[in-house]
Amino acid sequence: MRMQEVSVYTRPHGGSRTPQKANPNEIYPVGTTYQLRYGSKWLTLKKGCPILNLEEDCPSVAEAQICAIRLRTLLFTGATAAPQAQPRQKPKPEVQTVDRQIDNYLYGTEGKAAQKDWRKHTLQCYARSLKLFRESCKKVRDEEIDGDDLRKLKGFLRQQKTSTGKKISARSVYNHFNNVISFLNAIGRRELIPQDEWPKYEEPKVVPYDPETMARLLQFADVEERDVLESFLGNGFRNGEWTHTEWPDIDLRNKEIHVYSKQERFGWQVKDSEQRIIGISDSLAQRLDARHKRHPGIGLVFPNTKGKPDKHLLRVIKRVALRAVHGNPRTEAGVLRHASRMPQVDHPHDEKNLGHDPKPNRRGSHYDTGRPRAQFGGHHEEVSGEHRSPQPPAQGADQRSGGARPPPGRGEGGKRGGAVERAET
């Protein structure tokens, strides 16, 4: 039979409540409590100890060691029962609350955000949607969520307001609702509500650009601003793509631009991993070549004042639009709305090489007249620097097909603004 191991422990008087293993060569102060540990049990060596029948408290570590030998003998001979090993209990599974699952979904190493490598803006959108969901639904466990909670969420979302105090749009309601559904699907709570009960929204009608609007914008742009406008016009890039384009990415000889992610340098990646090579027109290649001569180097094509990516290039377009409308609030609103979304490309091969759908989408319009740019009419005269001073049109000239802009005020036919001089496209 195997001898039962018995160890001596001490617990100082008035000290730590946790027993410490005794050192046989150390002298402990008066009042120290001695304990024996065997198996999973503890035996305190106090007067009246039930197994050893002590007549007084154990006074020293030497006496405690003698008690340990006595206890070991009793256990070995069977005079007292040895402690039985207790079966190890399985740890209780961790309760997966809705809040914990949302945290794992958004920020966990195995969550959807990590798996899909969401961008910062995408993560913020989902976090906002799920925050609104938790404000609407206070249930703790995911199995408690049902279709009524989602119906309640629809009404709750429709009452949300923007920073200006207006209720959010029907499309925003749908987007938030769809994000919540994606989360519920990920945690196994599917088909809680039929799709015909989802929030509804109407796609707004897309209004395409017209040549006159773009010609007017180009006329009121200086050479730096026109570089921005013509670059967006020339290849249909997204804002972030031009923002992070560097001169080595542009091959002027072959008239191509290489678009790819730049995570290490700028922390930016192309949308949907659309690394691609885009062809550009001769006119855009010439304009970029001229810009490079004015701004030599290998840095960004459109940097900000600190040499970093200018993430507000669209403000250039809005600034030119404000200058072009002469403070007419009604016209300004329309021009700003369309000027912030750039038009279709003019390179014959760009449409198939863009890497994304070149057709108008819900939030923007494209420059699509169904005829080549050469047919836009009038001269193709370069407008550089500040916009020109108003001059009267040439005698007999058709103001709608070319010529100079009439004096401020109302032009021919009583309409404000008159004709717009045709700028080089």
Protein backbone atom coordinates (compact mmCIF):
# COMPACT_ATOMS: atom_id res chain seq x y z
CA MET A 1 0.00 0.00 0.00
CA ARG A 2 1.26 3.44 -0.92
CA MET A 3 2.05 5.75 2.02
CA GLN A 4 -0.22 8.84 2.08
CA GLU A 5 1.69 12.08 1.73
CA VAL A 6 1.17 14.52 4.65
CA SER A 7 2.56 18.07 4.59
CA VAL A 8 2.95 20.65 7.34
CA TYR A 9 1.69 24.21 6.75
CA THR A 10 1.74 27.30 8.95
CA ARG A 11 -0.49 30.33 9.25
CA PRO A 12 1.00 33.19 11.36
CA HIS A 13 -1.16 34.72 14.06
CA GLY A 14 -2.81 37.87 12.71
CA GLY A 15 -1.07 37.39 9.35
CA SER A 16 -2.19 36.13 5.95
CA ARG A 17 -5.16 33.78 5.92
CA THR A 18 -3.46 31.67 3.24
CA PRO A 19 -1.39 28.78 4.73
CA GLN A 20 2.30 28.61 3.79
CA LYS A 21 4.34 25.41 3.63
CA ALA A 22 6.41 25.08 6.82
CA ASN A 23 10.20 25.23 6.86
CA PRO A 24 11.50 22.65 9.41
CA ASN A 25 14.62 24.76 10.10
CA GLU A 26 12.70 27.93 10.90
CA ILE A 27 11.49 29.01 14.34
CA TYR A 28 7.96 30.41 14.11
CA PRO A 29 6.57 32.96 16.60
CA VAL A 30 4.19 32.04 19.42
CA GLY A 31 0.59 31.91 18.26
CA THR A 32 1.36 30.40 14.85
CA THR A 33 -1.27 27.92 13.72
CA TYR A 34 -0.03 24.60 12.26
CA GLN A 35 -2.02 22.59 9.75
CA LEU A 36 -1.59 19.23 8.05
CA ARG A 37 -2.61 18.69 4.46
CA TYR A 38 -3.27 15.20 3.11
CA GLY A 39 -4.95 14.71 -0.21
CA SER A 40 -7.59 17.38 -0.58
CA LYS A 41 -8.18 17.69 3.19
CA TRP A 42 -6.81 19.96 5.88
CA LEU A 43 -6.33 19.14 9.60
CA THR A 44 -5.73 22.01 12.04
CA LEU A 45 -3.50 21.02 14.97
CA LYS A 46 -5.58 22.59 17.73
CA LYS A 47 -6.65 21.27 21.13
CA GLY A 48 -9.27 18.55 20.70
CA CYS A 49 -8.20 17.64 17.13
CA PRO A 50 -10.71 14.88 16.19
CA ILE A 51 -8.19 12.43 14.66
CA LEU A 52 -5.06 12.93 16.78
CA ASN A 53 -6.88 13.82 20.04
CA LEU A 54 -4.50 16.62 20.96
CA GLU A 55 -4.61 17.90 24.55
CA GLU A 56 -3.26 21.32 23.59
CA ASP A 57 -2.48 23.43 20.56
CA CYS A 58 0.59 22.37 18.58
CA PRO A 59 3.40 24.66 19.87
CA SER A 60 6.16 24.28 17.25
CA VAL A 61 7.05 23.05 13.79
CA ALA A 62 8.85 20.04 15.32
CA GLU A 63 5.68 18.95 17.13
CA ALA A 64 3.76 19.46 13.87
CA GLN A 65 6.13 17.09 12.07
CA ILE A 66 5.55 14.46 14.78
CA CYS A 67 1.77 14.87 14.27
CA ALA A 68 2.31 14.42 10.55
CA ILE A 69 4.09 11.08 11.16
CA ARG A 70 1.25 9.92 13.42
CA LEU A 71 -1.38 10.85 10.83
CA ARG A 72 0.58 9.13 8.06
CA THR A 73 0.69 5.95 10.15
CA LEU A 74 -3.06 6.06 10.84
CA LEU A 75 -3.77 6.49 7.15
CA PHE A 76 -1.41 3.65 6.22
CA THR A 77 -2.90 1.17 8.73
CA GLY A 78 -6.43 2.13 7.86
CA ALA A 79 -7.22 3.44 11.33
CA THR A 80 -8.63 6.51 9.63
CA ALA A 81 -10.04 6.78 6.17
CA ALA A 82 -7.86 8.30 3.48
CA PRO A 83 -9.53 11.07 1.49
CA GLN A 84 -11.07 9.94 -1.77
CA ALA A 85 -10.18 11.77 -4.97
CA GLN A 86 -13.04 13.97 -6.03
CA PRO A 87 -14.13 13.77 -9.67
CA ARG A 88 -13.11 16.86 -11.61
CA GLN A 89 -16.12 18.92 -12.49
CA LYS A 90 -16.45 20.17 -16.01
CA PRO A 91 -16.38 23.96 -16.21
CA LYS A 92 -19.71 25.48 -16.89
CA PRO A 93 -20.03 26.86 -20.40
CA GLU A 94 -19.69 30.61 -20.56
CA VAL A 95 -22.99 32.38 -21.00
CA GLN A 96 -23.08 33.98 -24.46
CA THR A 97 -25.09 37.13 -24.00
CA VAL A 98 -26.15 39.28 -26.93
CA ASP A 99 -23.72 42.02 -25.91
CA ARG A 100 -20.83 39.54 -25.74
CA GLN A 101 -21.71 38.15 -29.17
CA ILE A 102 -21.87 41.65 -30.63
CA ASP A 103 -18.42 42.36 -29.20
CA ASN A 104 -17.05 39.15 -30.72
CA TYR A 105 -18.77 39.90 -34.04
CA LEU A 106 -17.20 43.35 -34.32
CA TYR A 107 -13.88 43.09 -32.50
CA GLY A 108 -13.12 39.39 -31.92
CA THR A 109 -10.27 37.67 -33.74
CA GLU A 110 -12.77 35.18 -35.22
CA GLY A 111 -15.60 37.65 -35.76
CA LYS A 112 -16.98 38.65 -39.13
CA ALA A 113 -15.18 42.00 -39.11
CA ALA A 114 -11.82 40.24 -38.73
CA GLN A 115 -12.67 37.57 -41.30
CA LYS A 116 -13.81 40.10 -43.89
CA ASP A 117 -11.10 42.63 -42.95
CA TRP A 118 -13.64 45.44 -42.72
CA ARG A 119 -12.53 48.99 -43.25
CA LYS A 120 -12.83 51.49 -40.45
CA HIS A 121 -15.94 53.10 -41.95
CA THR A 122 -17.67 49.73 -42.45
CA LEU A 123 -16.94 48.76 -38.85
CA GLN A 124 -18.36 52.07 -37.63
CA CYS A 125 -21.56 51.55 -39.63
CA TYR A 126 -22.17 48.08 -38.19
CA ALA A 127 -21.29 49.24 -34.68
CA ARG A 128 -23.82 52.08 -34.98
CA SER A 129 -26.54 49.74 -36.27
CA LEU A 130 -26.02 47.21 -33.48
CA LYS A 131 -25.95 49.97 -30.87
CA LEU A 132 -29.37 51.12 -32.08
CA PHE A 133 -30.56 47.51 -31.97
CA ARG A 134 -29.52 47.18 -28.32
CA GLU A 135 -31.28 50.43 -27.49
CA SER A 136 -34.43 48.97 -29.04
CA CYS A 137 -34.09 45.40 -27.72
CA LYS A 138 -32.92 44.84 -24.14
CA LYS A 139 -33.07 41.02 -24.15
CA VAL A 140 -30.00 39.32 -22.71
CA ARG A 141 -29.89 35.95 -24.51
CA ASP A 142 -29.98 35.57 -28.28
CA GLU A 143 -32.56 32.76 -28.14
CA GLU A 144 -34.99 35.24 -26.60
CA ILE A 145 -34.97 37.46 -29.71
CA ASP A 146 -37.92 36.97 -32.06
CA GLY A 147 -39.66 38.64 -34.98
CA ASP A 148 -41.52 41.09 -32.78
CA ASP A 149 -38.19 42.56 -31.68
CA LEU A 150 -37.32 43.26 -35.31
CA ARG A 151 -40.72 44.81 -35.99
CA LYS A 152 -40.16 47.04 -32.98
CA LEU A 153 -36.73 47.91 -34.35
CA LYS A 154 -38.27 49.19 -37.61
CA GLY A 155 -40.36 51.75 -35.78
CA PHE A 156 -37.46 52.68 -33.52
CA LEU A 157 -35.17 53.34 -36.52
CA ARG A 158 -37.75 55.56 -38.22
CA GLN A 159 -37.66 57.85 -35.18
CA GLN A 160 -33.90 58.37 -35.32
CA LYS A 161 -32.64 61.80 -36.35
CA THR A 162 -29.56 63.17 -38.02
CA SER A 163 -27.23 65.76 -36.51
CA THR A 164 -29.40 68.48 -38.10
CA GLY A 165 -32.56 67.23 -36.37
CA LYS A 166 -34.16 65.62 -39.41
CA LYS A 167 -35.35 62.02 -39.38
CA ILE A 168 -33.01 59.64 -41.13
CA SER A 169 -33.92 58.56 -44.64
CA ALA A 170 -35.78 55.39 -45.54
CA ARG A 171 -32.58 54.07 -47.10
CA SER A 172 -30.69 54.60 -43.83
CA VAL A 173 -33.44 52.75 -41.97
CA TYR A 174 -33.05 49.85 -44.39
CA ASN A 175 -29.25 49.84 -44.09
CA HIS A 176 -29.35 49.71 -40.27
CA PHE A 177 -31.97 46.96 -40.36
CA ASN A 178 -29.97 44.94 -42.88
CA ASN A 179 -26.83 45.21 -40.72
CA VAL A 180 -28.75 43.84 -37.73
CA ILE A 181 -30.09 40.96 -39.83
CA SER A 182 -26.52 40.11 -40.91
CA PHE A 183 -25.45 39.92 -37.26
CA LEU A 184 -28.41 37.72 -36.30
CA ASN A 185 -27.70 35.40 -39.22
CA ALA A 186 -24.07 35.10 -38.07
CA ILE A 187 -25.13 33.89 -34.60
CA GLY A 188 -27.66 31.41 -36.00
CA ARG A 189 -30.86 33.45 -35.53
CA ARG A 190 -32.17 33.26 -39.09
CA GLU A 191 -35.52 33.98 -40.70
CA LEU A 192 -37.02 35.70 -37.68
CA ILE A 193 -39.05 37.95 -39.96
CA PRO A 194 -40.12 37.48 -43.60
CA GLN A 195 -38.34 39.71 -46.09
CA ASP A 196 -41.59 41.35 -47.21
CA GLU A 197 -41.73 42.91 -43.74
CA TRP A 198 -38.33 44.55 -44.04
CA PRO A 199 -38.24 48.37 -44.27
CA LYS A 200 -38.95 49.71 -47.75
CA TYR A 201 -37.28 52.57 -49.61
CA GLU A 202 -37.42 54.06 -53.10
CA GLU A 203 -34.40 54.51 -55.31
CA PRO A 204 -34.13 58.19 -56.28
CA LYS A 205 -34.07 59.05 -59.96
CA VAL A 206 -30.56 59.69 -61.21
CA VAL A 207 -30.12 62.98 -63.10
CA PRO A 208 -27.16 62.82 -65.52
CA TYR A 209 -24.73 65.67 -66.08
CA ASP A 210 -25.10 67.93 -69.05
CA PRO A 211 -22.22 69.47 -71.04
CA GLU A 212 -23.17 73.04 -70.11
CA THR A 213 -22.83 72.36 -66.37
CA MET A 214 -19.39 70.79 -66.74
CA ALA A 215 -18.20 73.49 -69.14
CA ARG A 216 -19.23 76.14 -66.64
CA LEU A 217 -17.39 74.41 -63.79
CA LEU A 218 -14.22 74.09 -65.86
CA GLN A 219 -14.42 77.75 -66.89
CA PHE A 220 -14.34 78.96 -63.28
CA ALA A 221 -11.48 76.68 -62.15
CA ASP A 222 -7.84 77.72 -61.94
CA VAL A 223 -5.12 75.42 -63.26
CA GLU A 224 -4.75 73.45 -59.99
CA GLU A 225 -8.50 73.01 -59.55
CA ARG A 226 -8.89 72.06 -63.17
CA ASP A 227 -6.30 69.32 -62.72
CA VAL A 228 -8.60 67.79 -60.11
CA LEU A 229 -11.76 68.13 -62.20
CA GLU A 230 -10.17 66.84 -65.39
CA SER A 231 -8.58 63.92 -63.56
CA PHE A 232 -11.92 62.76 -62.19
CA LEU A 233 -13.53 63.35 -65.59
CA GLY A 234 -10.79 61.44 -67.37
CA ASN A 235 -10.99 58.01 -65.74
CA GLY A 236 -13.90 57.77 -63.28
CA PHE A 237 -11.73 57.08 -60.21
CA ARG A 238 -13.21 57.02 -56.75
CA ASN A 239 -12.15 59.81 -54.43
CA GLY A 240 -9.81 57.58 -52.41
CA GLU A 241 -8.13 56.23 -55.53
CA TRP A 242 -7.01 59.64 -56.78
CA THR A 243 -6.21 60.70 -53.22
CA HIS A 244 -3.62 57.93 -52.87
CA THR A 245 -2.23 57.90 -56.43
CA GLU A 246 1.50 58.62 -56.63
CA TRP A 247 3.55 59.62 -59.65
CA PRO A 248 5.27 56.21 -59.97
CA ASP A 249 1.80 54.68 -60.36
CA ILE A 250 1.27 56.61 -63.61
CA ASP A 251 2.77 55.36 -66.88
CA LEU A 252 2.47 58.35 -69.21
CA ARG A 253 4.16 56.53 -72.08
CA ASN A 254 1.54 53.77 -72.14
CA LYS A 255 -1.17 56.08 -70.75
CA GLU A 256 -2.03 53.82 -67.80
CA ILE A 257 -2.52 54.19 -64.04
CA HIS A 258 -1.92 51.32 -61.62
CA VAL A 259 -4.44 51.20 -58.75
CA TYR A 260 -3.56 49.10 -55.70
CA SER A 261 -3.75 49.14 -51.89
CA LYS A 262 -1.20 51.07 -49.82
CA GLN A 263 -1.69 49.71 -46.33
CA GLU A 264 1.83 50.12 -44.97
CA ARG A 265 2.34 53.70 -46.11
CA PHE A 266 -1.13 55.24 -45.86
CA GLY A 267 -3.28 52.57 -44.19
CA TRP A 268 -5.52 52.53 -47.28
CA GLN A 269 -6.83 49.72 -49.45
CA VAL A 270 -8.84 49.65 -52.64
CA LYS A 271 -12.49 48.75 -52.39
CA ASP A 272 -13.25 45.02 -52.73
CA SER A 273 -9.56 44.31 -53.54
CA GLU A 274 -9.98 45.86 -56.99
CA GLN A 275 -6.30 46.12 -57.90
CA ARG A 276 -6.23 47.02 -61.57
CA ILE A 277 -4.62 49.02 -64.38
CA ILE A 278 -6.72 51.81 -65.90
CA GLY A 279 -6.13 53.37 -69.29
CA ILE A 280 -6.33 57.16 -69.65
CA SER A 281 -6.96 59.46 -72.61
CA ASP A 282 -4.33 61.49 -74.45
CA SER A 283 -5.71 64.76 -73.09
CA LEU A 284 -5.53 63.55 -69.47
CA ALA A 285 -2.01 62.21 -70.03
CA GLN A 286 -0.93 65.63 -71.31
CA ARG A 287 -2.52 67.38 -68.34
CA LEU A 288 -0.88 65.03 -65.84
CA ASP A 289 2.47 65.49 -67.61
CA ALA A 290 2.13 69.25 -67.30
CA ARG A 291 1.21 68.93 -63.62
CA HIS A 292 4.22 66.72 -62.96
CA LYS A 293 6.50 69.34 -64.47
CA ARG A 294 5.00 71.95 -62.11
CA HIS A 295 5.23 69.52 -59.14
CA PRO A 296 8.23 67.24 -59.79
CA GLY A 297 9.05 64.29 -57.59
CA ILE A 298 7.74 60.82 -56.80
CA GLY A 299 5.16 61.76 -54.17
CA LEU A 300 1.40 62.03 -54.32
CA VAL A 301 -0.29 63.52 -57.34
CA PHE A 302 -2.76 65.47 -55.17
CA PRO A 303 -1.19 65.95 -51.71
CA ASN A 304 -2.48 68.29 -49.04
CA THR A 305 -0.41 71.16 -47.64
CA LYS A 306 1.53 68.72 -45.44
CA GLY A 307 2.37 66.33 -48.27
CA LYS A 308 -0.10 63.71 -47.10
CA PRO A 309 -3.14 62.30 -48.99
CA ASP A 310 -5.73 65.04 -49.50
CA LYS A 311 -8.89 63.26 -48.39
CA HIS A 312 -11.06 66.25 -49.29
CA LEU A 313 -10.55 66.51 -53.05
CA LEU A 314 -14.31 66.76 -53.55
CA ARG A 315 -14.22 70.07 -51.70
CA VAL A 316 -12.28 71.45 -54.66
CA ILE A 317 -15.24 70.65 -56.90
CA LYS A 318 -17.67 72.27 -54.48
CA ARG A 319 -15.50 75.35 -54.20
CA VAL A 320 -15.47 75.76 -57.98
CA ALA A 321 -19.24 75.21 -58.02
CA LEU A 322 -19.77 77.98 -55.47
CA ARG A 323 -17.70 80.31 -57.61
CA ALA A 324 -19.65 79.37 -60.74
CA VAL A 325 -23.17 79.97 -59.42
CA HIS A 326 -22.56 83.58 -58.27
CA GLY A 327 -24.31 83.07 -54.97
CA ASN A 328 -27.66 81.92 -56.39
CA PRO A 329 -28.88 79.57 -53.61
CA ARG A 330 -31.21 77.63 -55.87
CA THR A 331 -28.58 77.01 -58.51
CA GLU A 332 -25.89 76.40 -55.90
CA ALA A 333 -27.76 73.51 -54.34
CA GLY A 334 -28.17 71.78 -57.69
CA VAL A 335 -24.61 72.29 -58.81
CA LEU A 336 -23.16 71.17 -55.49
CA ARG A 337 -25.28 68.06 -55.48
CA HIS A 338 -24.00 66.98 -58.89
CA ALA A 339 -20.49 68.42 -58.67
CA SER A 340 -19.61 66.19 -55.74
CA ARG A 341 -20.11 63.06 -57.86
CA MET A 342 -17.85 62.88 -60.83
CA PRO A 343 -19.01 61.98 -64.36
CA GLN A 344 -18.32 59.18 -66.79
CA VAL A 345 -14.91 58.60 -68.34
CA ASP A 346 -13.93 59.55 -71.88
CA HIS A 347 -11.28 56.93 -72.58
CA PRO A 348 -12.60 54.35 -75.07
CA HIS A 349 -11.33 51.41 -73.00
CA ASP A 350 -11.98 52.71 -69.50
CA GLU A 351 -15.54 51.49 -69.19
CA LYS A 352 -14.49 47.86 -69.20
CA ASN A 353 -11.27 48.46 -67.23
CA LEU A 354 -12.63 50.56 -64.39
CA GLY A 355 -13.02 47.61 -62.06
CA HIS A 356 -16.41 48.82 -60.86
CA ASP A 357 -19.81 49.49 -62.42
CA PRO A 358 -19.53 52.66 -64.55
CA LYS A 359 -23.30 53.13 -64.66
CA PRO A 360 -25.00 55.73 -62.47
CA ASN A 361 -25.78 54.53 -58.97
CA ARG A 362 -28.13 55.69 -56.28
CA ARG A 363 -25.86 58.45 -54.98
CA GLY A 364 -24.27 59.83 -58.10
CA SER A 365 -24.65 60.60 -61.75
CA HIS A 366 -22.40 60.21 -64.75
CA TYR A 367 -21.69 62.42 -67.70
CA ASP A 368 -23.55 60.53 -70.38
CA THR A 369 -24.94 62.31 -73.40
CA GLY A 370 -24.72 59.50 -75.92
CA ARG A 371 -22.34 61.44 -78.17
CA PRO A 372 -18.55 61.97 -78.29
CA ARG A 373 -17.05 64.92 -76.46
CA ALA A 374 -15.97 66.45 -79.75
CA GLN A 375 -19.66 66.98 -80.48
CA PHE A 376 -20.27 69.08 -77.39
CA GLY A 377 -19.97 72.07 -79.69
CA GLY A 378 -18.06 75.33 -79.79
CA HIS A 379 -14.38 75.93 -79.34
CA HIS A 380 -12.04 73.72 -77.36
CA GLU A 381 -10.08 76.57 -75.94
CA GLU A 382 -7.82 76.09 -72.92
CA VAL A 383 -8.97 77.93 -69.81
CA SER A 384 -6.11 78.23 -67.34
CA GLY A 385 -5.50 80.36 -64.30
CA GLU A 386 -8.33 82.50 -62.99
CA HIS A 387 -11.57 82.64 -64.94
CA ARG A 388 -11.75 85.29 -67.63
CA SER A 389 -13.34 88.65 -67.35
CA PRO A 390 -16.76 88.88 -68.95
CA GLN A 391 -16.76 90.02 -72.59
CA PRO A 392 -19.67 90.62 -74.93
CA PRO A 393 -20.24 87.92 -77.52
CA ALA A 394 -19.04 88.44 -81.08
CA GLN A 395 -21.58 89.97 -83.38
CA GLY A 396 -23.74 87.32 -84.94
CA ALA A 397 -22.30 84.57 -82.80
CA ASP A 398 -24.57 81.89 -81.39
CA GLN A 399 -24.15 82.10 -77.65
CA ARG A 400 -25.22 78.49 -77.13
CA SER A 401 -22.57 77.08 -79.50
CA GLY A 402 -19.52 79.09 -78.43
CA GLY A 403 -18.17 82.51 -77.75
CA ALA A 404 -17.58 84.40 -74.56
CA ARG A 405 -19.77 84.62 -71.48
CA PRO A 406 -22.10 87.67 -71.41
CA PRO A 407 -21.89 90.30 -68.69
CA PRO A 408 -23.22 89.41 -65.22
CA GLY A 409 -26.94 89.50 -64.82
CA ARG A 410 -29.42 88.01 -67.19
CA GLY A 411 -28.35 86.71 -70.54
CA GLU A 412 -30.23 86.15 -73.73
CA GLY A 413 -33.85 85.18 -73.25
CA GLY A 414 -33.99 86.61 -69.73
CA LYS A 415 -32.14 83.65 -68.17
CA ARG A 416 -29.45 84.20 -65.56
CA GLY A 417 -25.90 83.43 -66.51
CA GLY A 418 -26.20 83.50 -70.30
CA ALA A 419 -24.02 81.18 -72.35
CA VAL A 420 -20.95 79.33 -71.14
CA GLU A 421 -17.75 79.42 -73.10
CA ARG A 422 -16.73 75.96 -74.29
CA ALA A 423 -13.69 74.78 -72.38
CA GLU A 424 -11.17 72.23 -73.49
CA THR A 425 -12.33 68.75 -72.49
